[in-house]
Amino acid sequence: MEIITNKISVTELKKKANRMFGNLIKAVVDIEKEIMAIDGELHADEQALLLENGSKQENLWGINIYPDNSGEDFIEFDSVINIRPSQQNRSRGIDNPEIKKKILQVVSKLVER
């Protein structure tokens, strides 16, 4: 696992995806610090890494990145860590469009396509 603070290429993401799941790479995005943790077996593992490095729980959201895809198919908003009734998020997806928008901005900033 690693924390991405600077750009990473899609080619590098593909290598990491092939090593673990084949077609996807799990990521947890910190929408406040604009960083993300990648390459964990579980979103919970990546979340723990970010928490250990000073991130706040309410800013962490789990996604899946599909490096071979483009457009809307590049990111899937689906993770058990996203279920947060206290933040009005009752699904594995991300119900708040503003949070989704922030996640897309962070991923766009960090992933060189």
N, C-alpha and C. Protein backbone atom coordinates (compact mmCIF):
# COMPACT_ATOMS: atom_id res chain seq x y z
N MET A 1 0.84 -1.18 0.00
CA MET A 1 0.00 0.00 0.00
C MET A 1 0.88 1.24 0.00
N GLU A 2 0.33 2.28 -0.58
CA GLU A 2 1.06 3.54 -0.57
C GLU A 2 0.09 4.72 -0.61
N ILE A 3 0.57 5.84 -0.11
CA ILE A 3 -0.20 7.07 -0.16
C ILE A 3 0.30 7.89 -1.35
N ILE A 4 -0.63 8.27 -2.20
CA ILE A 4 -0.31 9.05 -3.39
C ILE A 4 -0.54 10.52 -3.09
N THR A 5 0.54 11.29 -3.17
CA THR A 5 0.45 12.74 -2.95
C THR A 5 0.80 13.51 -4.22
N ASN A 6 1.48 12.83 -5.15
CA ASN A 6 1.85 13.41 -6.44
C ASN A 6 1.31 12.51 -7.55
N LYS A 7 1.34 13.02 -8.76
CA LYS A 7 0.77 12.27 -9.89
C LYS A 7 1.33 10.86 -10.03
N ILE A 8 0.43 9.94 -10.36
CA ILE A 8 0.80 8.57 -10.69
C ILE A 8 0.19 8.29 -12.07
N SER A 9 0.89 7.55 -12.89
CA SER A 9 0.40 7.29 -14.24
C SER A 9 -0.60 6.14 -14.26
N VAL A 10 -1.44 6.16 -15.26
CA VAL A 10 -2.39 5.06 -15.46
C VAL A 10 -1.62 3.76 -15.70
N THR A 11 -0.48 3.84 -16.38
CA THR A 11 0.35 2.67 -16.63
C THR A 11 0.77 2.03 -15.31
N GLU A 12 1.18 2.84 -14.36
CA GLU A 12 1.58 2.33 -13.04
C GLU A 12 0.37 1.73 -12.31
N LEU A 13 -0.78 2.36 -12.42
CA LEU A 13 -1.99 1.81 -11.81
C LEU A 13 -2.34 0.46 -12.42
N LYS A 14 -2.17 0.34 -13.75
CA LYS A 14 -2.44 -0.94 -14.41
C LYS A 14 -1.54 -2.04 -13.88
N LYS A 15 -0.26 -1.73 -13.67
CA LYS A 15 0.67 -2.71 -13.13
C LYS A 15 0.23 -3.17 -11.75
N LYS A 16 -0.15 -2.21 -10.91
CA LYS A 16 -0.60 -2.54 -9.56
C LYS A 16 -1.91 -3.33 -9.59
N ALA A 17 -2.81 -2.96 -10.48
CA ALA A 17 -4.08 -3.68 -10.59
C ALA A 17 -3.85 -5.12 -11.02
N ASN A 18 -2.99 -5.32 -12.00
CA ASN A 18 -2.71 -6.67 -12.50
C ASN A 18 -2.13 -7.57 -11.41
N ARG A 19 -1.34 -6.97 -10.54
CA ARG A 19 -0.71 -7.72 -9.47
C ARG A 19 -1.73 -8.18 -8.42
N MET A 20 -2.80 -7.40 -8.20
CA MET A 20 -3.73 -7.69 -7.11
C MET A 20 -5.06 -8.26 -7.60
N PHE A 21 -5.83 -7.47 -8.33
CA PHE A 21 -7.19 -7.85 -8.71
C PHE A 21 -7.38 -8.07 -10.21
N GLY A 22 -6.43 -7.69 -11.00
CA GLY A 22 -6.54 -7.87 -12.44
C GLY A 22 -6.99 -6.63 -13.17
N ASN A 23 -8.23 -6.20 -12.92
CA ASN A 23 -8.76 -5.08 -13.70
C ASN A 23 -9.08 -3.84 -12.87
N LEU A 24 -8.86 -3.90 -11.55
CA LEU A 24 -9.19 -2.75 -10.73
C LEU A 24 -8.16 -2.56 -9.63
N ILE A 25 -8.14 -1.36 -9.11
CA ILE A 25 -7.31 -1.05 -7.96
C ILE A 25 -8.19 -0.32 -6.95
N LYS A 26 -8.15 -0.78 -5.72
CA LYS A 26 -8.93 -0.13 -4.67
C LYS A 26 -8.18 1.12 -4.22
N ALA A 27 -8.94 2.14 -3.86
CA ALA A 27 -8.35 3.39 -3.39
C ALA A 27 -9.25 4.01 -2.34
N VAL A 28 -8.64 4.74 -1.42
CA VAL A 28 -9.39 5.55 -0.46
C VAL A 28 -8.88 6.98 -0.63
N VAL A 29 -9.82 7.89 -0.87
CA VAL A 29 -9.50 9.28 -1.15
C VAL A 29 -9.78 10.13 0.09
N ASP A 30 -8.80 10.98 0.44
CA ASP A 30 -8.99 11.98 1.48
C ASP A 30 -9.33 13.28 0.77
N ILE A 31 -10.60 13.68 0.86
CA ILE A 31 -11.06 14.84 0.10
C ILE A 31 -10.58 16.16 0.70
N GLU A 32 -10.11 16.14 1.94
CA GLU A 32 -9.58 17.37 2.54
C GLU A 32 -8.11 17.57 2.19
N LYS A 33 -7.31 16.51 2.36
CA LYS A 33 -5.87 16.61 2.08
C LYS A 33 -5.55 16.44 0.60
N GLU A 34 -6.54 15.99 -0.17
CA GLU A 34 -6.39 15.75 -1.61
C GLU A 34 -5.27 14.74 -1.89
N ILE A 35 -5.34 13.62 -1.18
CA ILE A 35 -4.42 12.51 -1.36
C ILE A 35 -5.24 11.24 -1.43
N MET A 36 -4.60 10.12 -1.77
CA MET A 36 -5.32 8.86 -1.74
C MET A 36 -4.35 7.72 -1.43
N ALA A 37 -4.88 6.70 -0.80
CA ALA A 37 -4.12 5.48 -0.55
C ALA A 37 -4.58 4.45 -1.58
N ILE A 38 -3.61 3.70 -2.11
CA ILE A 38 -3.93 2.69 -3.12
C ILE A 38 -3.23 1.38 -2.81
N ASP A 39 -3.64 0.36 -3.53
CA ASP A 39 -2.93 -0.91 -3.57
C ASP A 39 -3.09 -1.75 -2.31
N GLY A 40 -4.21 -1.59 -1.63
CA GLY A 40 -4.51 -2.45 -0.50
C GLY A 40 -5.47 -3.54 -0.91
N GLU A 41 -5.50 -4.60 -0.13
CA GLU A 41 -6.44 -5.68 -0.40
C GLU A 41 -7.87 -5.25 -0.07
N LEU A 42 -7.99 -4.44 0.97
CA LEU A 42 -9.30 -3.94 1.40
C LEU A 42 -9.27 -2.41 1.52
N HIS A 43 -10.41 -1.78 1.26
CA HIS A 43 -10.50 -0.34 1.48
C HIS A 43 -10.19 -0.01 2.94
N ALA A 44 -10.59 -0.90 3.85
CA ALA A 44 -10.36 -0.67 5.28
C ALA A 44 -8.86 -0.58 5.59
N ASP A 45 -8.04 -1.35 4.88
CA ASP A 45 -6.59 -1.29 5.09
C ASP A 45 -6.05 0.07 4.66
N GLU A 46 -6.50 0.55 3.53
CA GLU A 46 -6.06 1.86 3.03
C GLU A 46 -6.56 2.98 3.93
N GLN A 47 -7.78 2.84 4.40
CA GLN A 47 -8.35 3.81 5.33
C GLN A 47 -7.49 3.88 6.60
N ALA A 48 -7.11 2.72 7.13
CA ALA A 48 -6.27 2.67 8.34
C ALA A 48 -4.94 3.37 8.10
N LEU A 49 -4.34 3.15 6.93
CA LEU A 49 -3.07 3.80 6.61
C LEU A 49 -3.21 5.32 6.62
N LEU A 50 -4.28 5.82 6.02
CA LEU A 50 -4.50 7.26 5.99
C LEU A 50 -4.77 7.82 7.39
N LEU A 51 -5.55 7.09 8.19
CA LEU A 51 -5.83 7.53 9.55
C LEU A 51 -4.54 7.60 10.38
N GLU A 52 -3.66 6.62 10.18
CA GLU A 52 -2.37 6.60 10.88
C GLU A 52 -1.50 7.79 10.48
N ASN A 53 -1.78 8.35 9.31
CA ASN A 53 -1.00 9.47 8.79
C ASN A 53 -1.74 10.80 8.91
N GLY A 54 -2.70 10.87 9.83
CA GLY A 54 -3.32 12.14 10.16
C GLY A 54 -4.61 12.50 9.45
N SER A 55 -5.13 11.62 8.61
CA SER A 55 -6.41 11.92 7.96
C SER A 55 -7.55 11.77 8.97
N LYS A 56 -8.67 12.43 8.68
CA LYS A 56 -9.86 12.33 9.51
C LYS A 56 -10.88 11.43 8.82
N GLN A 57 -11.51 10.58 9.61
CA GLN A 57 -12.47 9.60 9.10
C GLN A 57 -13.51 10.21 8.17
N GLU A 58 -14.06 11.35 8.56
CA GLU A 58 -15.16 11.93 7.78
C GLU A 58 -14.75 12.38 6.38
N ASN A 59 -13.43 12.45 6.14
CA ASN A 59 -12.93 12.88 4.82
C ASN A 59 -12.51 11.72 3.93
N LEU A 60 -12.64 10.49 4.40
CA LEU A 60 -12.15 9.33 3.65
C LEU A 60 -13.29 8.59 2.98
N TRP A 61 -13.09 8.32 1.68
CA TRP A 61 -14.13 7.66 0.88
C TRP A 61 -13.49 6.60 -0.01
N GLY A 62 -14.11 5.43 -0.06
CA GLY A 62 -13.58 4.32 -0.84
C GLY A 62 -14.12 4.29 -2.27
N ILE A 63 -13.20 4.01 -3.18
CA ILE A 63 -13.57 3.89 -4.60
C ILE A 63 -12.78 2.73 -5.21
N ASN A 64 -13.17 2.35 -6.41
CA ASN A 64 -12.40 1.41 -7.22
C ASN A 64 -12.04 2.14 -8.51
N ILE A 65 -10.80 1.98 -8.92
CA ILE A 65 -10.33 2.60 -10.17
C ILE A 65 -10.10 1.48 -11.18
N TYR A 66 -10.64 1.66 -12.37
CA TYR A 66 -10.46 0.70 -13.47
C TYR A 66 -9.55 1.34 -14.51
N PRO A 67 -8.24 1.10 -14.42
CA PRO A 67 -7.27 1.80 -15.28
C PRO A 67 -7.46 1.57 -16.77
N ASP A 68 -8.09 0.47 -17.16
CA ASP A 68 -8.31 0.20 -18.58
C ASP A 68 -9.52 0.93 -19.14
N ASN A 69 -10.33 1.51 -18.26
CA ASN A 69 -11.56 2.17 -18.70
C ASN A 69 -11.36 3.68 -18.76
N SER A 70 -12.34 4.35 -19.33
CA SER A 70 -12.29 5.81 -19.40
C SER A 70 -13.67 6.37 -19.08
N GLY A 71 -13.74 7.68 -19.00
CA GLY A 71 -15.02 8.33 -18.72
C GLY A 71 -15.59 7.90 -17.38
N GLU A 72 -16.91 7.73 -17.35
CA GLU A 72 -17.59 7.35 -16.12
C GLU A 72 -17.22 5.95 -15.64
N ASP A 73 -16.67 5.13 -16.52
CA ASP A 73 -16.30 3.76 -16.14
C ASP A 73 -14.92 3.68 -15.50
N PHE A 74 -14.23 4.80 -15.38
CA PHE A 74 -12.88 4.83 -14.79
C PHE A 74 -12.95 4.66 -13.27
N ILE A 75 -13.97 5.26 -12.64
CA ILE A 75 -14.12 5.21 -11.18
C ILE A 75 -15.47 4.61 -10.82
N GLU A 76 -15.43 3.71 -9.85
CA GLU A 76 -16.65 3.13 -9.29
C GLU A 76 -16.73 3.56 -7.83
N PHE A 77 -17.82 4.18 -7.46
CA PHE A 77 -18.03 4.63 -6.09
C PHE A 77 -18.71 3.49 -5.32
N ASP A 78 -17.91 2.58 -4.78
CA ASP A 78 -18.47 1.42 -4.10
C ASP A 78 -17.49 0.90 -3.05
N SER A 79 -17.88 1.03 -1.79
CA SER A 79 -17.05 0.50 -0.71
C SER A 79 -17.87 0.42 0.57
N VAL A 80 -17.62 -0.61 1.34
CA VAL A 80 -18.28 -0.77 2.63
C VAL A 80 -17.95 0.41 3.55
N ILE A 81 -16.73 0.96 3.43
CA ILE A 81 -16.36 2.07 4.33
C ILE A 81 -17.19 3.33 4.08
N ASN A 82 -17.92 3.37 2.96
CA ASN A 82 -18.74 4.53 2.65
C ASN A 82 -20.08 4.53 3.39
N ILE A 83 -20.44 3.43 4.00
CA ILE A 83 -21.72 3.36 4.73
C ILE A 83 -21.55 4.14 6.03
N ARG A 84 -22.17 5.31 6.05
CA ARG A 84 -22.04 6.21 7.20
C ARG A 84 -23.35 6.94 7.46
N PRO A 85 -24.25 6.33 8.17
CA PRO A 85 -25.51 7.01 8.47
C PRO A 85 -25.31 8.37 9.16
N SER A 86 -24.26 8.50 9.97
CA SER A 86 -24.01 9.76 10.67
C SER A 86 -23.68 10.90 9.71
N GLN A 87 -23.24 10.56 8.49
CA GLN A 87 -22.96 11.56 7.46
C GLN A 87 -24.00 11.49 6.33
N GLN A 88 -25.15 10.94 6.63
CA GLN A 88 -26.25 10.79 5.68
C GLN A 88 -25.86 9.99 4.44
N ASN A 89 -24.94 9.05 4.60
CA ASN A 89 -24.57 8.16 3.50
C ASN A 89 -24.91 6.75 3.92
N ARG A 90 -26.03 6.26 3.42
CA ARG A 90 -26.55 4.97 3.85
C ARG A 90 -26.25 3.83 2.89
N SER A 91 -25.44 4.09 1.90
CA SER A 91 -25.14 3.05 0.90
C SER A 91 -23.64 2.87 0.76
N ARG A 92 -23.26 1.84 0.00
CA ARG A 92 -21.85 1.62 -0.30
C ARG A 92 -21.35 2.64 -1.32
N GLY A 93 -22.27 3.28 -2.00
CA GLY A 93 -21.92 4.33 -2.95
C GLY A 93 -21.70 5.64 -2.22
N ILE A 94 -21.71 6.72 -2.96
CA ILE A 94 -21.57 8.04 -2.34
C ILE A 94 -22.78 8.85 -2.77
N ASP A 95 -23.63 9.15 -1.78
CA ASP A 95 -24.91 9.77 -2.06
C ASP A 95 -24.83 11.28 -2.29
N ASN A 96 -23.84 11.94 -1.70
CA ASN A 96 -23.72 13.39 -1.79
C ASN A 96 -22.97 13.77 -3.08
N PRO A 97 -23.64 14.48 -3.99
CA PRO A 97 -22.98 14.85 -5.26
C PRO A 97 -21.75 15.74 -5.07
N GLU A 98 -21.71 16.55 -4.01
CA GLU A 98 -20.55 17.40 -3.76
C GLU A 98 -19.33 16.57 -3.38
N ILE A 99 -19.54 15.53 -2.59
CA ILE A 99 -18.43 14.64 -2.20
C ILE A 99 -17.93 13.89 -3.43
N LYS A 100 -18.86 13.41 -4.26
CA LYS A 100 -18.47 12.74 -5.51
C LYS A 100 -17.61 13.67 -6.36
N LYS A 101 -18.04 14.91 -6.48
CA LYS A 101 -17.32 15.89 -7.29
C LYS A 101 -15.91 16.09 -6.74
N LYS A 102 -15.77 16.19 -5.42
CA LYS A 102 -14.45 16.37 -4.80
C LYS A 102 -13.56 15.16 -5.07
N ILE A 103 -14.13 13.98 -4.98
CA ILE A 103 -13.36 12.76 -5.24
C ILE A 103 -12.85 12.76 -6.68
N LEU A 104 -13.71 13.09 -7.61
CA LEU A 104 -13.31 13.15 -9.02
C LEU A 104 -12.20 14.17 -9.23
N GLN A 105 -12.27 15.30 -8.55
CA GLN A 105 -11.23 16.33 -8.67
C GLN A 105 -9.90 15.82 -8.12
N VAL A 106 -9.93 15.14 -6.98
CA VAL A 106 -8.69 14.62 -6.39
C VAL A 106 -8.07 13.57 -7.29
N VAL A 107 -8.90 12.64 -7.78
CA VAL A 107 -8.38 11.59 -8.66
C VAL A 107 -7.82 12.20 -9.94
N SER A 108 -8.51 13.17 -10.48
CA SER A 108 -8.04 13.83 -11.70
C SER A 108 -6.70 14.52 -11.46
N LYS A 109 -6.53 15.09 -10.29
CA LYS A 109 -5.27 15.77 -9.93
C LYS A 109 -4.14 14.76 -9.76
N LEU A 110 -4.44 13.57 -9.24
CA LEU A 110 -3.39 12.60 -8.89
C LEU A 110 -3.09 11.56 -9.96
N VAL A 111 -4.04 11.30 -10.86
CA VAL A 111 -3.84 10.27 -11.87
C VAL A 111 -3.61 10.92 -13.23
N GLU A 112 -2.44 10.64 -13.77
CA GLU A 112 -2.07 11.17 -15.09
C GLU A 112 -2.58 10.22 -16.15
N ARG A 113 -3.52 10.72 -16.96
CA ARG A 113 -4.11 9.86 -18.00
C ARG A 113 -3.65 10.28 -19.36
